[in-house]
Protein backbone atom coordinates (compact mmCIF):
# COMPACT_ATOMS: atom_id res chain seq x y z
CA UNK A 1 102.97 87.76 92.89
CA UNK A 2 106.29 86.47 91.52
CA UNK A 3 106.11 86.20 87.73
CA UNK A 4 109.73 86.60 86.65
CA UNK A 5 111.44 84.65 85.34
CA UNK A 6 108.54 82.70 83.84
CA UNK A 7 109.63 79.56 85.71
CA UNK A 8 108.73 81.32 88.98
CA UNK A 9 105.05 81.04 88.09
CA UNK A 10 105.25 77.27 88.51
CA UNK A 11 106.86 77.31 91.97
CA UNK A 12 104.88 76.69 95.20
CA UNK A 13 103.22 79.77 96.70
CA UNK A 14 103.90 80.65 100.32
CA UNK A 15 101.43 83.52 100.78
CA UNK A 16 101.21 87.24 100.09
CA UNK A 17 103.82 89.95 100.39
CA UNK A 18 102.85 91.00 103.92
CA UNK A 19 101.65 87.65 105.31
CA UNK A 20 103.76 84.73 104.09
CA UNK A 21 102.97 81.42 105.76
CA UNK A 22 105.62 80.14 108.16
CA UNK A 23 104.19 76.62 107.93
CA UNK A 24 104.30 76.61 104.14
CA UNK A 25 107.87 77.90 104.09
CA UNK A 26 109.07 75.24 106.53
CA UNK A 27 107.26 72.50 104.59
CA UNK A 28 109.44 73.25 101.56
CA UNK A 29 112.60 72.43 103.59
CA UNK A 30 114.66 75.43 102.38
CA UNK A 31 118.37 75.73 103.15
CA UNK A 32 118.21 79.54 102.88
CA UNK A 33 115.33 82.00 103.30
CA UNK A 34 115.80 85.55 102.03
CA UNK A 35 113.48 88.26 103.28
CA UNK A 36 113.07 92.00 103.42
CA UNK A 37 114.12 93.84 106.57
CA UNK A 38 110.48 94.30 107.61
CA UNK A 39 110.20 90.49 107.75
CA UNK A 40 112.65 90.29 110.67
CA UNK A 41 110.16 88.69 113.06
CA UNK A 42 109.33 85.95 110.55
CA UNK A 43 113.01 85.49 109.71
CA UNK A 44 113.80 85.13 113.42
CA UNK A 45 111.18 82.39 113.72
CA UNK A 46 112.64 80.60 110.72
CA UNK A 47 116.19 80.93 112.04
CA UNK A 48 115.07 79.49 115.38
CA UNK A 49 114.08 76.37 113.47
CA UNK A 50 117.66 75.93 112.27
CA UNK A 51 117.15 77.36 108.77
CA UNK A 52 119.69 79.85 107.44
CA UNK A 53 118.28 83.34 106.73
CA UNK A 54 119.35 86.54 105.04
CA UNK A 55 117.69 89.96 105.49
CA UNK A 56 118.04 92.59 102.78
CA UNK A 57 116.93 96.22 102.65
CA UNK A 58 115.16 97.17 99.42
CA UNK A 59 114.08 100.75 99.96
CA UNK A 60 116.43 102.96 97.97
CA UNK A 61 118.31 102.37 94.73
CA UNK A 62 121.56 102.01 96.66
CA UNK A 63 120.05 99.52 99.10
CA UNK A 64 118.62 97.50 96.19
CA UNK A 65 122.10 97.24 94.69
CA UNK A 66 123.55 96.33 98.09
CA UNK A 67 120.85 93.68 98.53
CA UNK A 68 121.66 92.17 95.14
CA UNK A 69 125.35 92.02 96.10
CA UNK A 70 124.55 90.37 99.46
CA UNK A 71 122.40 87.70 97.82
CA UNK A 72 125.05 87.10 95.16
CA UNK A 73 127.74 86.57 97.77
CA UNK A 74 125.55 84.24 99.84
CA UNK A 75 124.64 81.98 96.91
CA UNK A 76 128.07 82.17 95.27
CA UNK A 77 127.03 84.00 92.10
CA UNK A 78 128.40 87.11 90.43
CA UNK A 79 126.00 90.05 90.57
CA UNK A 80 128.05 92.97 89.22
CA UNK A 81 126.23 93.03 85.88
CA UNK A 82 122.83 93.28 87.53
CA UNK A 83 123.99 96.27 89.56
CA UNK A 84 125.70 97.86 86.57
CA UNK A 85 122.41 97.73 84.64
CA UNK A 86 120.85 99.99 87.27
CA UNK A 87 123.75 102.43 87.14
CA UNK A 88 123.63 102.42 83.34
CA UNK A 89 119.92 103.25 83.35
CA UNK A 90 120.56 106.18 85.69
CA UNK A 91 123.46 107.47 83.60
CA UNK A 92 121.27 107.54 80.49
CA UNK A 93 118.53 109.65 82.06
CA UNK A 94 120.87 112.03 83.86
CA UNK A 95 122.46 113.24 80.62
CA UNK A 96 119.53 115.54 79.81
CA UNK A 97 118.42 118.19 82.30
CA UNK A 98 114.92 119.66 82.02
CA UNK A 99 114.60 123.43 81.89
CA UNK A 100 111.88 123.28 84.53
CA UNK A 101 111.53 120.54 87.15
CA UNK A 102 107.95 119.20 86.95
CA UNK A 103 106.22 118.18 90.17
CA UNK A 104 105.52 114.45 89.86
CA UNK A 105 103.15 112.32 91.93
CA UNK A 106 103.44 108.53 91.76
CA UNK A 107 100.28 106.66 92.79
CA UNK A 108 100.23 102.96 93.64
CA UNK A 109 97.28 101.21 92.01
CA UNK A 110 94.68 102.28 89.46
CA UNK A 111 91.40 103.25 91.08
CA UNK A 112 88.07 104.69 89.92
CA UNK A 113 87.29 106.26 93.30
CA UNK A 114 89.77 108.71 94.83
CA UNK A 115 87.66 109.66 97.83
CA UNK A 116 89.37 107.19 100.17
CA UNK A 117 93.09 106.80 100.90
CA UNK A 118 95.39 107.11 97.88
CA UNK A 119 98.80 105.54 98.40
CA UNK A 120 101.63 107.55 96.89
CA UNK A 121 105.42 107.57 96.74
CA UNK A 122 106.73 109.48 99.74
CA UNK A 123 110.31 110.28 100.67
CA UNK A 124 113.42 108.13 101.15
CA UNK A 125 112.20 105.55 98.64
CA UNK A 126 113.57 104.55 95.25
CA UNK A 127 110.59 106.03 93.38
CA UNK A 128 111.46 109.50 94.65
CA UNK A 129 115.08 108.96 93.61
CA UNK A 130 113.91 108.00 90.13
CA UNK A 131 111.74 111.13 89.88
CA UNK A 132 114.72 113.29 90.80
CA UNK A 133 117.08 111.45 88.45
CA UNK A 134 114.58 112.06 85.64
CA UNK A 135 114.67 115.81 86.28
CA UNK A 136 111.49 116.12 88.32
CA UNK A 137 110.63 116.71 91.95
CA UNK A 138 108.25 114.79 94.22
CA UNK A 139 104.87 116.55 94.38
CA UNK A 140 104.29 114.93 97.77
CA UNK A 141 105.86 117.43 100.15
CA UNK A 142 104.70 116.28 103.57
CA UNK A 143 107.27 114.64 105.86
CA UNK A 144 106.40 110.99 105.36
CA UNK A 145 108.64 108.24 104.05
CA UNK A 146 107.74 105.10 102.15
CA UNK A 147 104.20 104.89 100.79
CA UNK A 148 101.96 107.28 102.76
CA UNK A 149 98.21 107.67 102.23
CA UNK A 150 96.85 110.83 100.66
CA UNK A 151 93.19 111.89 100.71
CA UNK A 152 91.44 113.56 97.77
CA UNK A 153 91.83 117.00 99.30
CA UNK A 154 95.55 116.36 99.73
CA UNK A 155 95.79 115.30 96.10
CA UNK A 156 94.19 118.60 95.00
CA UNK A 157 96.52 120.56 97.30
CA UNK A 158 99.59 118.76 95.91
CA UNK A 159 98.49 119.80 92.39
CA UNK A 160 101.09 117.69 90.53
CA UNK A 161 102.20 118.59 87.02
CA UNK A 162 102.53 114.90 86.20
CA UNK A 163 100.67 111.93 87.68
CA UNK A 164 102.05 108.42 87.19
CA UNK A 165 99.69 105.60 88.14
CA UNK A 166 101.39 102.24 88.70
CA UNK A 167 99.05 99.51 87.50
CA UNK A 168 99.40 95.82 88.30
CA UNK A 169 97.21 93.10 86.80
CA UNK A 170 97.67 91.16 90.05
CA UNK A 171 96.17 93.80 92.32
CA UNK A 172 94.06 96.00 90.02
CA UNK A 173 90.75 95.17 88.36
CA UNK A 174 89.82 98.69 87.28
CA UNK A 175 89.54 99.25 83.53
CA UNK A 176 92.47 101.37 82.38
CA UNK A 177 90.42 103.46 79.94
CA UNK A 178 87.90 104.18 82.68
CA UNK A 179 90.72 105.25 84.98
CA UNK A 180 92.07 107.63 82.34
CA UNK A 181 88.60 109.10 81.80
CA UNK A 182 88.08 109.52 85.56
CA UNK A 183 91.27 111.56 85.82
CA UNK A 184 89.94 114.08 83.28
CA UNK A 185 87.69 115.49 86.00
CA UNK A 186 90.36 115.77 88.71
CA UNK A 187 91.25 119.48 89.17
CA UNK A 188 95.04 119.23 89.06
CA UNK A 189 97.57 120.48 86.51
CA UNK A 190 98.43 116.96 85.36
CA UNK A 191 94.84 116.28 84.28
CA UNK A 192 94.38 119.71 82.69
CA UNK A 193 97.51 119.26 80.59
CA UNK A 194 96.89 115.62 79.70
CA UNK A 195 99.86 114.38 81.68
CA UNK A 196 98.36 111.46 83.59
CA UNK A 197 100.11 108.22 82.70
CA UNK A 198 99.38 104.60 83.56
CA UNK A 199 102.46 102.36 83.66
CA UNK A 200 101.77 98.64 83.75
CA UNK A 201 105.07 96.82 83.35
CA UNK A 202 105.06 93.69 85.51
CA UNK A 203 108.32 94.90 87.06
CA UNK A 204 107.22 98.47 87.75
CA UNK A 205 106.90 98.25 91.56
CA UNK A 206 109.42 95.50 92.27
CA UNK A 207 112.71 96.47 93.98
CA UNK A 208 115.03 94.20 91.99
CA UNK A 209 117.62 94.52 89.24
CA UNK A 210 114.71 95.21 86.88
CA UNK A 211 114.32 98.61 88.53
CA UNK A 212 116.47 99.65 85.55
CA UNK A 213 113.33 99.17 83.42
CA UNK A 214 111.26 101.18 85.90
CA UNK A 215 113.77 104.03 85.60
CA UNK A 216 113.43 103.92 81.82
CA UNK A 217 109.63 103.94 81.90
CA UNK A 218 109.18 106.68 84.49
CA UNK A 219 111.75 108.94 82.86
CA UNK A 220 110.10 108.29 79.51
CA UNK A 221 106.88 110.01 80.61
CA UNK A 222 108.49 112.77 82.69
CA UNK A 223 110.56 114.05 79.76
C-alpha cells in the first residue's frame, strides 16, 4: 500500500501489511529490514539469515517520533524536522479549547453494511491521542486497546457526537456518497446532527511523520 513518496509506487512489492513474503524480501538482497514490533517473528527469521534488522513501535504519537529517530540514526540521516512537524501540528490544535468535549468515534474503512464487525479506534493508540488533543474524547469506552471490533448494537450504545470514517482507496470500494446516505439512518447523535465525516487522505491511517496531516484533518472536523 506504499504510495508516498511517488517513487515508492514503482518499487517491488513484498506482500500485504500483515503477511509480507519472506522469500520476496530475501530475493531483494536488503542490507537492512525495518519492521513494526508485531513483525518480530518475521524479523527474527530475516536476522537469522544474516540480514540486519530494526524493529520500531508505531502505536502512539510518542512512539512514532521515537521510531523516526531510531530509523534516522540507523541510516545516518537527520530526523529532527520530521518529529518537529508532529509537535508543531499538536501545538496548533491545542491552542483552542472547546467549551464541551464531543464524544468522537473513529471508524476504519467506509462500509455500507454495519451489521457485522466495525473496527474502531480504541485506547492507547495515536488516534485516541489526536481526538483528545483536538478537544474531544473517545466515544469508545470499553477497555480495549488498538483497533477493537464493535457491533451495530455497540455503535448505538456508544452514541458518538461525531463519527469520523477513515476511507482508503486501496481497501475501500464503497461509494462515498452512498456511505454518507447510509449514515443518515443510523440512530446516533452524530447522524442526527450531520456530523459524520469521511476523511480520505492517503496518509490518514499511516503512522509516519505525515501523522501531522492526520492531526490537522481530524481536528478540522472536530472543531
